[in-house]
Amino acid sequence: IVLDSKIVREGDKLVIVYTQKFGKIRAVAKGAAKTASRLCCLLEPFCESDFIFYVQGRSRYHKITTAVLLDTHKELRDSLERSLAALNSLEICNKLTPPGDPDAARYNLLKRTMELLMTARNPSLINIAFKVRFLKYSGYDFCKFVGAGEMAEAVRKFSVSSGKEIDALKIVPATQKILESSLDRYIDAIVNGR
């Protein structure tokens, strides 16, 4: 799953990909930013592809030679709210995952989140559940951070609910806003080492 991509040099793309087998990988695709390139659309965020890549010498980056598209997750691009929730999930995966650390649970969570977001009525609830679970799979216990009370009960609901149940959760809007803000502050503290 492509987490991020940017154009570098004249027509190359630098991509960050999260794979089930190798974890997070930074890779370069030569000529992929050119519109005539076969790889052009396969290296955009949300895209899920099978990549063939290699490492040459002491290079910091893998080289992508080819890819086969599995899913563009097109529905995520059709709605601003879904796009923002998906981009936030990709960003969290990128920030909290060290390079070369494969983890099937985190990969499957990210993949399932992309699938759920494509049809979600309330993408922000799916995104909250993703954050709570991704933190847990990454070794951080957000439940302990929030303590007890209404917030802890909301976090518990996101922890135990699955799939479409999350989209149907009834959370008080004020609690949801506080929960989203607390999650973002908690993740920023982890990323910034505070």
C-alpha atoms as a PDB file:
ATOM      1  CA  ILE A   1       0.000   0.000   0.000  1.00  0.00           C
ATOM      2  CA  VAL A   2       1.485   3.345  -1.046  1.00  0.00           C
ATOM      3  CA  LEU A   3       1.722   5.633   1.990  1.00  0.00           C
ATOM      4  CA  ASP A   4       3.288   8.635   0.269  1.00  0.00           C
ATOM      5  CA  SER A   5       4.866   9.646  -3.020  1.00  0.00           C
ATOM      6  CA  LYS A   6       6.655  12.670  -4.397  1.00  0.00           C
ATOM      7  CA  ILE A   7       8.414  13.621  -7.587  1.00  0.00           C
ATOM      8  CA  VAL A   8      12.201  13.827  -7.351  1.00  0.00           C
ATOM      9  CA  ARG A   9      14.728  14.870  -9.963  1.00  0.00           C
ATOM     10  CA  GLU A  10      13.404  15.096 -13.506  1.00  0.00           C
ATOM     11  CA  GLY A  11      10.817  12.359 -13.689  1.00  0.00           C
ATOM     12  CA  ASP A  12      11.447   9.910 -10.879  1.00  0.00           C
ATOM     13  CA  LYS A  13       9.130   9.177  -7.991  1.00  0.00           C
ATOM     14  CA  LEU A  14      10.159   8.559  -4.414  1.00  0.00           C
ATOM     15  CA  VAL A  15       7.535   6.424  -2.710  1.00  0.00           C
ATOM     16  CA  ILE A  16       6.992   5.063   0.761  1.00  0.00           C
ATOM     17  CA  VAL A  17       5.270   1.695   0.604  1.00  0.00           C
ATOM     18  CA  TYR A  18       3.969  -0.454   3.448  1.00  0.00           C
ATOM     19  CA  THR A  19       4.213  -4.157   2.649  1.00  0.00           C
ATOM     20  CA  GLN A  20       3.130  -7.223   4.546  1.00  0.00           C
ATOM     21  CA  LYS A  21       6.395  -9.053   3.913  1.00  0.00           C
ATOM     22  CA  PHE A  22       9.014  -6.300   4.332  1.00  0.00           C
ATOM     23  CA  GLY A  23       7.279  -3.577   6.354  1.00  0.00           C
ATOM     24  CA  LYS A  24       7.837   0.070   5.393  1.00  0.00           C
ATOM     25  CA  ILE A  25      10.088   0.602   2.392  1.00  0.00           C
ATOM     26  CA  ARG A  26      11.417   3.728   0.741  1.00  0.00           C
ATOM     27  CA  ALA A  27      11.816   3.213  -2.982  1.00  0.00           C
ATOM     28  CA  VAL A  28      12.564   5.093  -6.181  1.00  0.00           C
ATOM     29  CA  ALA A  29      10.840   4.422  -9.485  1.00  0.00           C
ATOM     30  CA  LYS A  30      12.875   5.830 -12.362  1.00  0.00           C
ATOM     31  CA  GLY A  31      10.799   7.766 -14.875  1.00  0.00           C
ATOM     32  CA  ALA A  32       7.553   7.041 -12.987  1.00  0.00           C
ATOM     33  CA  ALA A  33       6.534  10.701 -12.771  1.00  0.00           C
ATOM     34  CA  LYS A  34       6.292  10.957 -16.556  1.00  0.00           C
ATOM     35  CA  THR A  35       2.746  10.644 -17.874  1.00  0.00           C
ATOM     36  CA  ALA A  36       3.767   7.914 -20.331  1.00  0.00           C
ATOM     37  CA  SER A  37       5.146   5.726 -17.543  1.00  0.00           C
ATOM     38  CA  ARG A  38       3.409   2.418 -16.785  1.00  0.00           C
ATOM     39  CA  LEU A  39       4.067   3.035 -13.092  1.00  0.00           C
ATOM     40  CA  CYS A  40       2.680   6.583 -12.961  1.00  0.00           C
ATOM     41  CA  CYS A  41      -0.731   5.817 -11.433  1.00  0.00           C
ATOM     42  CA  LEU A  42       0.411   2.765  -9.425  1.00  0.00           C
ATOM     43  CA  LEU A  43       2.542   4.875  -7.111  1.00  0.00           C
ATOM     44  CA  GLU A  44      -0.092   7.214  -5.702  1.00  0.00           C
ATOM     45  CA  PRO A  45      -1.303   7.145  -2.081  1.00  0.00           C
ATOM     46  CA  PHE A  46      -4.102   4.601  -1.414  1.00  0.00           C
ATOM     47  CA  CYS A  47      -2.952   2.321  -4.273  1.00  0.00           C
ATOM     48  CA  GLU A  48      -2.364  -1.289  -3.401  1.00  0.00           C
ATOM     49  CA  SER A  49       0.008  -3.081  -5.771  1.00  0.00           C
ATOM     50  CA  ASP A  50       2.385  -6.009  -6.040  1.00  0.00           C
ATOM     51  CA  PHE A  51       5.849  -4.473  -6.424  1.00  0.00           C
ATOM     52  CA  ILE A  52       9.056  -5.932  -7.746  1.00  0.00           C
ATOM     53  CA  PHE A  53      12.007  -4.057  -6.299  1.00  0.00           C
ATOM     54  CA  TYR A  54      15.683  -4.513  -5.477  1.00  0.00           C
ATOM     55  CA  VAL A  55      18.458  -2.807  -3.551  1.00  0.00           C
ATOM     56  CA  GLN A  56      21.604  -1.888  -5.450  1.00  0.00           C
ATOM     57  CA  GLY A  57      24.879  -1.506  -3.575  1.00  0.00           C
ATOM     58  CA  ARG A  58      24.713   0.863  -0.616  1.00  0.00           C
ATOM     59  CA  SER A  59      21.711   2.817  -1.829  1.00  0.00           C
ATOM     60  CA  ARG A  60      19.299   4.037   0.854  1.00  0.00           C
ATOM     61  CA  TYR A  61      16.377   3.313  -1.443  1.00  0.00           C
ATOM     62  CA  HIS A  62      14.977   0.236  -3.083  1.00  0.00           C
ATOM     63  CA  LYS A  63      14.455   0.457  -6.838  1.00  0.00           C
ATOM     64  CA  ILE A  64      10.996  -0.375  -8.180  1.00  0.00           C
ATOM     65  CA  THR A  65      11.201  -2.108 -11.528  1.00  0.00           C
ATOM     66  CA  THR A  66       7.570  -3.048 -12.048  1.00  0.00           C
ATOM     67  CA  ALA A  67       4.235  -3.245 -10.286  1.00  0.00           C
ATOM     68  CA  VAL A  68       0.848  -4.865 -10.764  1.00  0.00           C
ATOM     69  CA  LEU A  69      -2.157  -2.891  -9.559  1.00  0.00           C
ATOM     70  CA  LEU A  70      -4.401  -4.707  -7.075  1.00  0.00           C
ATOM     71  CA  ASP A  71      -6.716  -1.868  -6.005  1.00  0.00           C
ATOM     72  CA  THR A  72      -6.747   1.927  -6.431  1.00  0.00           C
ATOM     73  CA  HIS A  73      -9.320   2.384  -3.667  1.00  0.00           C
ATOM     74  CA  LYS A  74     -11.010   4.821  -6.064  1.00  0.00           C
ATOM     75  CA  GLU A  75     -13.955   5.402  -3.731  1.00  0.00           C
ATOM     76  CA  LEU A  76     -11.608   7.146  -1.292  1.00  0.00           C
ATOM     77  CA  ARG A  77     -10.913   9.820  -3.906  1.00  0.00           C
ATOM     78  CA  ASP A  78     -14.629  10.471  -4.505  1.00  0.00           C
ATOM     79  CA  SER A  79     -15.258  11.979  -1.060  1.00  0.00           C
ATOM     80  CA  LEU A  80     -13.205  14.625   0.711  1.00  0.00           C
ATOM     81  CA  GLU A  81     -14.077  13.218   4.146  1.00  0.00           C
ATOM     82  CA  ARG A  82     -13.036   9.684   3.119  1.00  0.00           C
ATOM     83  CA  SER A  83      -9.853  10.982   1.478  1.00  0.00           C
ATOM     84  CA  LEU A  84      -8.847  12.913   4.584  1.00  0.00           C
ATOM     85  CA  ALA A  85      -9.511   9.942   6.883  1.00  0.00           C
ATOM     86  CA  ALA A  86      -7.537   7.620   4.591  1.00  0.00           C
ATOM     87  CA  LEU A  87      -4.637  10.071   4.257  1.00  0.00           C
ATOM     88  CA  ASN A  88      -4.555  10.430   8.034  1.00  0.00           C
ATOM     89  CA  SER A  89      -4.387   6.641   8.423  1.00  0.00           C
ATOM     90  CA  LEU A  90      -1.533   6.440   5.889  1.00  0.00           C
ATOM     91  CA  GLU A  91       0.309   9.259   7.666  1.00  0.00           C
ATOM     92  CA  ILE A  92       0.004   7.530  11.053  1.00  0.00           C
ATOM     93  CA  CYS A  93       1.275   4.275   9.598  1.00  0.00           C
ATOM     94  CA  ASN A  94       4.215   6.153   8.071  1.00  0.00           C
ATOM     95  CA  LYS A  95       5.041   8.031  11.291  1.00  0.00           C
ATOM     96  CA  LEU A  96       4.729   5.115  13.738  1.00  0.00           C
ATOM     97  CA  THR A  97       6.348   2.371  11.668  1.00  0.00           C
ATOM     98  CA  PRO A  98      10.130   2.060  11.441  1.00  0.00           C
ATOM     99  CA  PRO A  99      11.544   1.027   8.047  1.00  0.00           C
ATOM    100  CA  GLY A 100      11.922  -2.697   7.448  1.00  0.00           C
ATOM    101  CA  ASP A 101       9.714  -3.817  10.343  1.00  0.00           C
ATOM    102  CA  PRO A 102       7.126  -6.225   8.886  1.00  0.00           C
ATOM    103  CA  ASP A 103       3.993  -6.744  10.944  1.00  0.00           C
ATOM    104  CA  ALA A 104       1.055  -8.664   9.465  1.00  0.00           C
ATOM    105  CA  ALA A 105      -1.412  -7.297  12.046  1.00  0.00           C
ATOM    106  CA  ARG A 106      -0.586  -3.651  11.230  1.00  0.00           C
ATOM    107  CA  TYR A 107      -0.617  -4.323   7.488  1.00  0.00           C
ATOM    108  CA  ASN A 108      -3.973  -6.108   7.636  1.00  0.00           C
ATOM    109  CA  LEU A 109      -5.406  -3.319   9.814  1.00  0.00           C
ATOM    110  CA  LEU A 110      -4.330  -0.681   7.293  1.00  0.00           C
ATOM    111  CA  LYS A 111      -5.698  -2.691   4.368  1.00  0.00           C
ATOM    112  CA  ARG A 112      -9.031  -3.337   6.136  1.00  0.00           C
ATOM    113  CA  THR A 113      -9.285   0.344   7.117  1.00  0.00           C
ATOM    114  CA  MET A 114      -8.926   1.386   3.467  1.00  0.00           C
ATOM    115  CA  GLU A 115     -11.691  -1.081   2.544  1.00  0.00           C
ATOM    116  CA  LEU A 116     -14.026   0.155   5.303  1.00  0.00           C
ATOM    117  CA  LEU A 117     -13.422   3.806   4.480  1.00  0.00           C
ATOM    118  CA  MET A 118     -14.590   3.251   0.895  1.00  0.00           C
ATOM    119  CA  THR A 119     -18.178   2.688   2.068  1.00  0.00           C
ATOM    120  CA  ALA A 120     -18.234   4.281   5.521  1.00  0.00           C
ATOM    121  CA  ARG A 121     -21.073   6.625   6.424  1.00  0.00           C
ATOM    122  CA  ASN A 122     -18.874   8.182   9.115  1.00  0.00           C
ATOM    123  CA  PRO A 123     -15.200   7.924   8.053  1.00  0.00           C
ATOM    124  CA  SER A 124     -13.995   9.743  11.168  1.00  0.00           C
ATOM    125  CA  LEU A 125     -15.190   6.846  13.366  1.00  0.00           C
ATOM    126  CA  ILE A 126     -13.279   4.350  11.209  1.00  0.00           C
ATOM    127  CA  ASN A 127     -10.219   6.596  11.497  1.00  0.00           C
ATOM    128  CA  ILE A 128     -10.489   6.747  15.295  1.00  0.00           C
ATOM    129  CA  ALA A 129     -10.725   2.952  15.490  1.00  0.00           C
ATOM    130  CA  PHE A 130      -7.693   2.662  13.201  1.00  0.00           C
ATOM    131  CA  LYS A 131      -5.637   4.979  15.432  1.00  0.00           C
ATOM    132  CA  VAL A 132      -6.580   3.162  18.648  1.00  0.00           C
ATOM    133  CA  ARG A 133      -5.741  -0.248  17.179  1.00  0.00           C
ATOM    134  CA  PHE A 134      -2.614   0.839  15.303  1.00  0.00           C
ATOM    135  CA  LEU A 135      -1.264   2.347  18.514  1.00  0.00           C
ATOM    136  CA  LYS A 136      -1.974  -0.922  20.334  1.00  0.00           C
ATOM    137  CA  TYR A 137      -0.264  -3.004  17.612  1.00  0.00           C
ATOM    138  CA  SER A 138       2.693  -0.603  17.782  1.00  0.00           C
ATOM    139  CA  GLY A 139       3.109  -1.152  21.516  1.00  0.00           C
ATOM    140  CA  TYR A 140       1.336   1.962  22.848  1.00  0.00           C
ATOM    141  CA  ASP A 141      -1.637   1.754  25.184  1.00  0.00           C
ATOM    142  CA  PHE A 142      -3.915   4.722  24.582  1.00  0.00           C
ATOM    143  CA  CYS A 143      -6.484   3.197  26.960  1.00  0.00           C
ATOM    144  CA  LYS A 144      -4.136   3.756  29.913  1.00  0.00           C
ATOM    145  CA  PHE A 145      -3.530   7.310  28.736  1.00  0.00           C
ATOM    146  CA  VAL A 146      -7.233   8.267  28.876  1.00  0.00           C
ATOM    147  CA  GLY A 147      -7.831   6.626  32.261  1.00  0.00           C
ATOM    148  CA  ALA A 148     -11.458   6.033  33.282  1.00  0.00           C
ATOM    149  CA  GLY A 149     -14.785   7.659  32.492  1.00  0.00           C
ATOM    150  CA  GLU A 150     -16.706   8.512  29.344  1.00  0.00           C
ATOM    151  CA  MET A 151     -13.539   8.750  27.207  1.00  0.00           C
ATOM    152  CA  ALA A 152     -12.314   5.348  28.364  1.00  0.00           C
ATOM    153  CA  GLU A 153     -15.706   3.830  27.530  1.00  0.00           C
ATOM    154  CA  ALA A 154     -15.577   5.349  24.029  1.00  0.00           C
ATOM    155  CA  VAL A 155     -12.048   3.989  23.489  1.00  0.00           C
ATOM    156  CA  ARG A 156     -13.211   0.556  24.669  1.00  0.00           C
ATOM    157  CA  LYS A 157     -16.051   0.635  22.109  1.00  0.00           C
ATOM    158  CA  PHE A 158     -13.551   1.336  19.332  1.00  0.00           C
ATOM    159  CA  SER A 159     -11.249  -1.408  20.615  1.00  0.00           C
ATOM    160  CA  VAL A 160     -13.832  -4.199  20.653  1.00  0.00           C
ATOM    161  CA  SER A 161     -16.100  -3.267  17.730  1.00  0.00           C
ATOM    162  CA  SER A 162     -15.298  -4.612  14.298  1.00  0.00           C
ATOM    163  CA  GLY A 163     -15.878  -3.637  10.701  1.00  0.00           C
ATOM    164  CA  LYS A 164     -19.236  -2.102   9.984  1.00  0.00           C
ATOM    165  CA  GLU A 165     -20.107  -2.022  13.718  1.00  0.00           C
ATOM    166  CA  ILE A 166     -17.632   0.870  14.057  1.00  0.00           C
ATOM    167  CA  ASP A 167     -19.452   2.901  11.409  1.00  0.00           C
ATOM    168  CA  ALA A 168     -22.688   2.481  13.392  1.00  0.00           C
ATOM    169  CA  LEU A 169     -21.292   3.414  16.833  1.00  0.00           C
ATOM    170  CA  LYS A 170     -23.178   6.092  18.704  1.00  0.00           C
ATOM    171  CA  ILE A 171     -20.674   8.480  20.240  1.00  0.00           C
ATOM    172  CA  VAL A 172     -21.594  11.863  21.702  1.00  0.00           C
ATOM    173  CA  PRO A 173     -20.164  14.461  19.250  1.00  0.00           C
ATOM    174  CA  ALA A 174     -18.338  16.353  22.018  1.00  0.00           C
ATOM    175  CA  THR A 175     -16.734  13.112  23.237  1.00  0.00           C
ATOM    176  CA  GLN A 176     -15.744  12.242  19.673  1.00  0.00           C
ATOM    177  CA  LYS A 177     -14.027  15.623  19.204  1.00  0.00           C
ATOM    178  CA  ILE A 178     -12.154  15.285  22.500  1.00  0.00           C
ATOM    179  CA  LEU A 179     -11.158  11.712  21.621  1.00  0.00           C
ATOM    180  CA  GLU A 180      -9.860  12.754  18.176  1.00  0.00           C
ATOM    181  CA  SER A 181      -7.900  15.627  19.690  1.00  0.00           C
ATOM    182  CA  SER A 182      -6.458  13.428  22.467  1.00  0.00           C
ATOM    183  CA  LEU A 183      -5.414  10.763  19.947  1.00  0.00           C
ATOM    184  CA  ASP A 184      -3.680  13.346  17.779  1.00  0.00           C
ATOM    185  CA  ARG A 185      -1.831  14.840  20.783  1.00  0.00           C
ATOM    186  CA  TYR A 186      -0.831  11.357  21.978  1.00  0.00           C
ATOM    187  CA  ILE A 187       0.512  10.398  18.535  1.00  0.00           C
ATOM    188  CA  ASP A 188       2.377  13.728  18.205  1.00  0.00           C
ATOM    189  CA  ALA A 189       3.981  13.128  21.601  1.00  0.00           C
ATOM    190  CA  ILE A 190       5.143   9.672  20.467  1.00  0.00           C
ATOM    191  CA  VAL A 191       6.503  10.951  17.157  1.00  0.00           C
ATOM    192  CA  ASN A 192       8.252  13.926  18.749  1.00  0.00           C
ATOM    193  CA  GLY A 193       9.593  11.865  21.660  1.00  0.00           C
ATOM    194  CA  ARG A 194       7.813  13.782  24.427  1.00  0.00           C
END
